[in-house]
Amino acid sequence: MLPFALNHMTAPKLGWEAFADLAAGLGCVGVEYRNDLPGPLFGGADPAEVGAAVKARGLRFLALAEVKMFNDWSDAKAAEADALMKVAVAAGAEAVSLIPRNDGVATEGGESRKVTETALREILPMLRAHGLKAMVEPLGFAVCSLRYKDVLADAIDAVGGVGTYFMVHDTFHHALAGFGPIYPDLTGIVHVSGVKDMIPLDDMRDPHRVLVDADDVLGNVAQIRALRRAGYEGPISYEPFAPQVHDLDNPRSALAASMKFIRSGVEA
């Protein structure tokens, strides 16, 4: 059985507890919570309470997202990262998520490597002090400062971060970045979402990201199959951004159908 998980972006209108129930009911291995949804994080609940409830449902708290623009490094960004790490520890999360700046700055290869390596070098001792890992997500958009996995792999190696820093293999962003090499040993989590519209890759945006089914044009099944065959055995976490997914009256049945589709394709 594939180890499916849910990112809270899958059903952002659900409170943290109902979302955990959804994941448990689907047989997921874990959840990811986010600090960029409407309202206070965890609806204002104590992080320790959330962590205990997640664990009681047999789930792992895979990651707490996110430090935005992590590679726009500054004292303020360091304080932001430390604050998120403290919440993650209190909630029993395994990792925090790091998202690069996505505003057209530092997109050239050398600059991308420089700003990313600088931030990773500074964040590494913070993570180790808190006993956390970090999931770093390259974004496939042309305006992103960390678009390509090889740049991230080199930066992780340069700062001595192997074992603490892990890549997010996002099937949407991997496609937008032109596919390219995969790094199963460095991959900490896979994010899945599908696109049904036959539009140019450069025109795809988050609202196009739906649940994966037979109409998917991103090759989700092929991407997951390749990662699994290369040795990746970690979580496969749903992260659709499309409003029509967020508005589903019964996300459980839709997710179950999508999971069945992916499972049958990957295990065939």
Protein backbone atom coordinates (compact mmCIF):
# COMPACT_ATOMS: atom_id res chain seq x y z
CA MET A 1 0.00 0.00 0.00
CA LEU A 2 1.28 3.44 -0.88
CA PRO A 3 1.85 5.68 2.16
CA PHE A 4 -0.58 8.49 1.38
CA ALA A 5 -0.78 11.67 3.45
CA LEU A 6 -2.72 14.92 3.36
CA ASN A 7 -1.55 18.52 3.31
CA HIS A 8 -4.13 20.83 4.91
CA MET A 9 -4.40 22.66 1.57
CA THR A 10 -6.40 19.63 0.42
CA ALA A 11 -9.34 20.65 2.60
CA PRO A 12 -8.52 24.08 4.01
CA LYS A 13 -12.08 24.77 5.15
CA LEU A 14 -11.89 21.94 7.68
CA GLY A 15 -10.65 22.69 11.16
CA TRP A 16 -7.48 20.98 12.27
CA GLU A 17 -9.32 18.18 14.10
CA ALA A 18 -11.78 17.39 11.32
CA PHE A 19 -8.86 17.40 8.92
CA ALA A 20 -7.01 14.85 11.07
CA ASP A 21 -10.16 12.72 11.11
CA LEU A 22 -10.30 12.90 7.31
CA ALA A 23 -6.72 11.71 7.00
CA ALA A 24 -7.21 8.90 9.51
CA GLY A 25 -10.41 7.77 7.82
CA LEU A 26 -8.58 7.48 4.52
CA GLY A 27 -5.86 5.33 6.04
CA CYS A 28 -3.19 8.00 5.63
CA VAL A 29 0.16 7.80 7.37
CA GLY A 30 0.31 11.46 8.30
CA VAL A 31 -0.65 15.09 7.85
CA GLU A 32 0.95 18.44 7.11
CA TYR A 33 -0.47 21.59 8.67
CA ARG A 34 0.03 25.13 7.37
CA ASN A 35 0.34 28.64 8.77
CA ASP A 36 -0.96 30.35 5.61
CA LEU A 37 -4.65 29.42 5.83
CA PRO A 38 -7.31 31.88 7.03
CA GLY A 39 -7.42 32.30 10.78
CA PRO A 40 -4.85 31.51 13.46
CA LEU A 41 -2.66 28.42 13.21
CA PHE A 42 -4.54 25.36 14.52
CA GLY A 43 -7.54 27.62 15.02
CA GLY A 44 -5.82 28.94 18.13
CA ALA A 45 -5.52 25.50 19.76
CA ASP A 46 -2.45 24.63 21.80
CA PRO A 47 0.18 22.99 19.57
CA ALA A 48 0.74 20.21 22.11
CA GLU A 49 -2.98 19.40 22.05
CA VAL A 50 -2.90 19.19 18.26
CA GLY A 51 0.16 16.96 18.29
CA ALA A 52 -1.37 14.61 20.84
CA ALA A 53 -4.60 14.36 18.84
CA VAL A 54 -2.72 13.62 15.62
CA LYS A 55 -0.72 10.89 17.32
CA ALA A 56 -3.83 9.43 18.96
CA ARG A 57 -5.30 8.92 15.50
CA GLY A 58 -2.29 6.88 14.46
CA LEU A 59 -0.94 9.66 12.25
CA ARG A 60 2.47 11.27 11.93
CA PHE A 61 2.76 15.04 12.00
CA LEU A 62 4.98 15.09 8.93
CA ALA A 63 5.69 18.80 8.58
CA LEU A 64 4.58 22.25 9.65
CA ALA A 65 4.54 24.75 6.80
CA GLU A 66 5.99 27.20 6.17
CA VAL A 67 8.85 29.68 6.23
CA LYS A 68 8.06 31.74 3.14
CA MET A 69 10.91 33.23 1.11
CA PHE A 70 13.39 31.40 3.32
CA ASN A 71 16.28 32.27 1.00
CA ASP A 72 15.68 36.00 1.35
CA TRP A 73 17.82 35.75 4.46
CA SER A 74 17.83 38.38 7.22
CA ASP A 75 17.64 38.65 10.99
CA ALA A 76 13.87 38.92 10.67
CA LYS A 77 13.76 35.73 8.59
CA ALA A 78 15.87 33.96 11.22
CA ALA A 79 13.41 34.99 13.92
CA GLU A 80 10.50 33.82 11.76
CA ALA A 81 12.14 30.45 11.19
CA ASP A 82 12.96 30.00 14.88
CA ALA A 83 9.38 30.82 15.89
CA LEU A 84 7.98 28.21 13.48
CA MET A 85 10.46 25.62 14.73
CA LYS A 86 9.38 26.18 18.32
CA VAL A 87 5.74 25.57 17.38
CA ALA A 88 6.73 22.49 15.40
CA VAL A 89 8.57 21.03 18.37
CA ALA A 90 5.63 21.75 20.70
CA ALA A 91 3.27 20.00 18.27
CA GLY A 92 5.53 17.01 17.72
CA ALA A 93 6.10 17.75 14.04
CA GLU A 94 8.96 15.96 12.33
CA ALA A 95 9.94 18.85 10.07
CA VAL A 96 9.27 22.40 8.97
CA SER A 97 8.77 23.42 5.35
CA LEU A 98 10.95 26.00 3.62
CA ILE A 99 9.57 27.80 0.55
CA PRO A 100 11.87 29.93 -1.64
CA ARG A 101 11.19 33.45 -2.82
CA ASN A 102 9.06 33.47 -5.93
CA ASP A 103 9.17 37.06 -7.11
CA GLY A 104 11.62 37.14 -10.01
CA VAL A 105 14.68 37.84 -7.85
CA ALA A 106 17.76 35.55 -7.89
CA THR A 107 16.45 33.34 -10.67
CA GLU A 108 19.80 32.97 -12.48
CA GLY A 109 21.66 29.78 -11.63
CA GLY A 110 24.57 31.32 -9.74
CA GLU A 111 22.39 33.70 -7.75
CA SER A 112 19.88 30.92 -7.02
CA ARG A 113 22.66 28.77 -5.60
CA LYS A 114 24.15 31.66 -3.60
CA VAL A 115 20.98 32.82 -1.84
CA THR A 116 19.84 29.26 -1.19
CA GLU A 117 23.16 28.11 0.21
CA THR A 118 23.43 31.19 2.44
CA ALA A 119 20.04 30.53 4.01
CA LEU A 120 20.54 26.77 4.37
CA ARG A 121 23.87 27.35 6.10
CA GLU A 122 22.26 29.68 8.64
CA ILE A 123 19.18 27.54 9.24
CA LEU A 124 21.06 24.26 9.69
CA PRO A 125 22.26 24.79 13.29
CA MET A 126 18.79 26.04 14.23
CA LEU A 127 17.19 22.86 12.94
CA ARG A 128 19.70 20.67 14.73
CA ALA A 129 19.22 22.55 17.99
CA HIS A 130 15.48 21.89 17.77
CA GLY A 131 15.88 18.28 16.59
CA LEU A 132 13.98 18.95 13.37
CA LYS A 133 14.32 18.23 9.67
CA ALA A 134 13.42 20.66 6.92
CA MET A 135 11.51 19.98 3.72
CA VAL A 136 12.77 22.38 1.05
CA GLU A 137 10.50 22.82 -1.95
CA PRO A 138 11.78 23.94 -5.34
CA LEU A 139 9.02 25.75 -7.23
CA GLY A 140 8.84 25.24 -10.97
CA PHE A 141 7.74 28.78 -11.82
CA ALA A 142 10.17 30.75 -13.99
CA VAL A 143 10.18 33.57 -11.41
CA CYS A 144 11.31 31.29 -8.58
CA SER A 145 14.70 31.68 -6.92
CA LEU A 146 14.98 27.90 -6.44
CA ARG A 147 13.52 26.24 -9.50
CA TYR A 148 15.82 23.29 -10.07
CA LYS A 149 16.57 20.30 -7.91
CA ASP A 150 20.24 20.07 -8.89
CA VAL A 151 20.83 23.55 -7.44
CA LEU A 152 19.22 22.45 -4.17
CA ALA A 153 21.16 19.17 -4.09
CA ASP A 154 24.44 21.04 -4.53
CA ALA A 155 23.53 23.57 -1.82
CA ILE A 156 22.56 20.84 0.67
CA ASP A 157 25.87 19.11 0.07
CA ALA A 158 27.84 22.35 0.33
CA VAL A 159 26.49 23.18 3.79
CA GLY A 160 26.80 19.63 5.12
CA GLY A 161 23.05 19.35 5.42
CA VAL A 162 22.46 15.79 4.22
CA GLY A 163 20.24 14.05 6.76
CA THR A 164 18.66 17.30 7.96
CA TYR A 165 17.57 18.89 4.70
CA PHE A 166 15.25 17.00 2.37
CA MET A 167 13.62 17.88 -0.94
CA VAL A 168 9.93 18.09 -1.60
CA HIS A 169 9.20 16.38 -4.89
CA ASP A 170 6.09 18.25 -5.97
CA THR A 171 4.70 16.62 -9.11
CA PHE A 172 3.26 19.93 -10.34
CA HIS A 173 6.46 21.90 -9.83
CA HIS A 174 8.65 19.09 -11.14
CA ALA A 175 6.72 19.24 -14.40
CA LEU A 176 6.87 23.04 -14.60
CA ALA A 177 10.64 22.94 -14.11
CA GLY A 178 10.97 20.67 -17.13
CA PHE A 179 11.05 17.38 -15.21
CA GLY A 180 14.79 16.66 -15.02
CA PRO A 181 16.63 14.43 -12.53
CA ILE A 182 15.04 13.05 -9.40
CA TYR A 183 16.87 12.61 -6.12
CA PRO A 184 15.17 9.74 -4.27
CA ASP A 185 17.74 9.65 -1.47
CA LEU A 186 17.26 13.36 -0.79
CA THR A 187 13.46 13.29 -1.15
CA GLY A 188 11.60 13.63 2.13
CA ILE A 189 8.04 13.89 0.90
CA VAL A 190 6.11 13.89 -2.39
CA HIS A 191 3.32 16.39 -3.03
CA VAL A 192 0.74 15.33 -5.58
CA SER A 193 -1.82 17.30 -7.54
CA GLY A 194 -3.05 16.96 -11.08
CA VAL A 195 -3.82 19.28 -13.97
CA LYS A 196 -6.52 18.39 -16.50
CA ASP A 197 -6.31 21.37 -18.84
CA MET A 198 -4.03 21.03 -21.86
CA ILE A 199 -2.36 24.40 -21.45
CA PRO A 200 1.32 25.30 -21.76
CA LEU A 201 3.37 24.39 -18.72
CA ASP A 202 4.46 28.01 -18.30
CA ASP A 203 0.82 29.06 -17.99
CA MET A 204 -0.07 26.60 -15.23
CA ARG A 205 -0.78 28.10 -11.83
CA ASP A 206 -1.92 26.85 -8.43
CA PRO A 207 -5.69 27.16 -9.17
CA HIS A 208 -5.26 24.55 -11.92
CA ARG A 209 -4.14 21.93 -9.37
CA VAL A 210 -6.87 19.33 -8.83
CA LEU A 211 -7.05 15.73 -7.60
CA VAL A 212 -5.17 13.23 -9.74
CA ASP A 213 -7.27 11.05 -12.03
CA ALA A 214 -7.15 9.58 -15.52
CA ASP A 215 -7.26 13.07 -17.10
CA ASP A 216 -4.02 14.21 -15.44
CA VAL A 217 -1.51 15.73 -17.88
CA LEU A 218 1.42 15.99 -15.44
CA GLY A 219 2.28 12.31 -15.33
CA ASN A 220 1.77 11.92 -11.60
CA VAL A 221 1.64 8.14 -11.78
CA ALA A 222 4.82 7.98 -13.86
CA GLN A 223 6.62 10.36 -11.50
CA ILE A 224 5.65 8.37 -8.41
CA ARG A 225 6.49 5.09 -10.10
CA ALA A 226 9.96 6.40 -11.02
CA LEU A 227 10.62 7.57 -7.48
CA ARG A 228 9.46 4.30 -5.98
CA ARG A 229 11.55 2.24 -8.38
CA ALA A 230 14.56 4.39 -7.47
CA GLY A 231 14.09 3.57 -3.81
CA TYR A 232 11.83 6.28 -2.39
CA GLU A 233 9.42 4.83 0.18
CA GLY A 234 8.23 7.96 1.98
CA PRO A 235 4.87 9.74 2.18
CA ILE A 236 2.86 10.80 -0.86
CA SER A 237 0.90 13.83 0.28
CA TYR A 238 -2.04 15.44 -1.50
CA GLU A 239 -1.76 19.20 -2.06
CA PRO A 240 -4.42 20.46 -4.51
CA PHE A 241 -4.99 24.20 -4.67
CA ALA A 242 -8.01 24.35 -6.99
CA PRO A 243 -11.11 26.06 -5.54
CA GLN A 244 -13.35 23.28 -6.88
CA VAL A 245 -11.48 20.77 -4.71
CA HIS A 246 -11.67 23.02 -1.65
CA ASP A 247 -15.44 23.36 -2.19
CA LEU A 248 -16.16 19.61 -2.31
CA ASP A 249 -19.00 18.53 -0.05
CA ASN A 250 -17.49 15.07 0.32
CA PRO A 251 -13.71 15.29 -0.05
CA ARG A 252 -13.27 11.83 1.44
CA SER A 253 -14.89 9.98 -1.44
CA ALA A 254 -13.10 12.09 -4.05
CA LEU A 255 -9.76 11.53 -2.35
CA ALA A 256 -10.40 7.82 -2.00
CA ALA A 257 -11.10 7.56 -5.73
CA SER A 258 -7.93 9.46 -6.57
CA MET A 259 -5.85 7.33 -4.23
CA LYS A 260 -7.26 4.19 -5.83
CA PHE A 261 -6.33 5.52 -9.28
CA ILE A 262 -2.76 6.34 -8.27
CA ARG A 263 -2.32 3.08 -6.38
CA SER A 264 -3.48 0.96 -9.28
CA GLY A 265 -1.25 2.83 -11.71
CA VAL A 266 1.87 2.76 -9.58
CA GLU A 267 1.50 -0.83 -8.46
CA ALA A 268 0.59 -2.18 -11.91
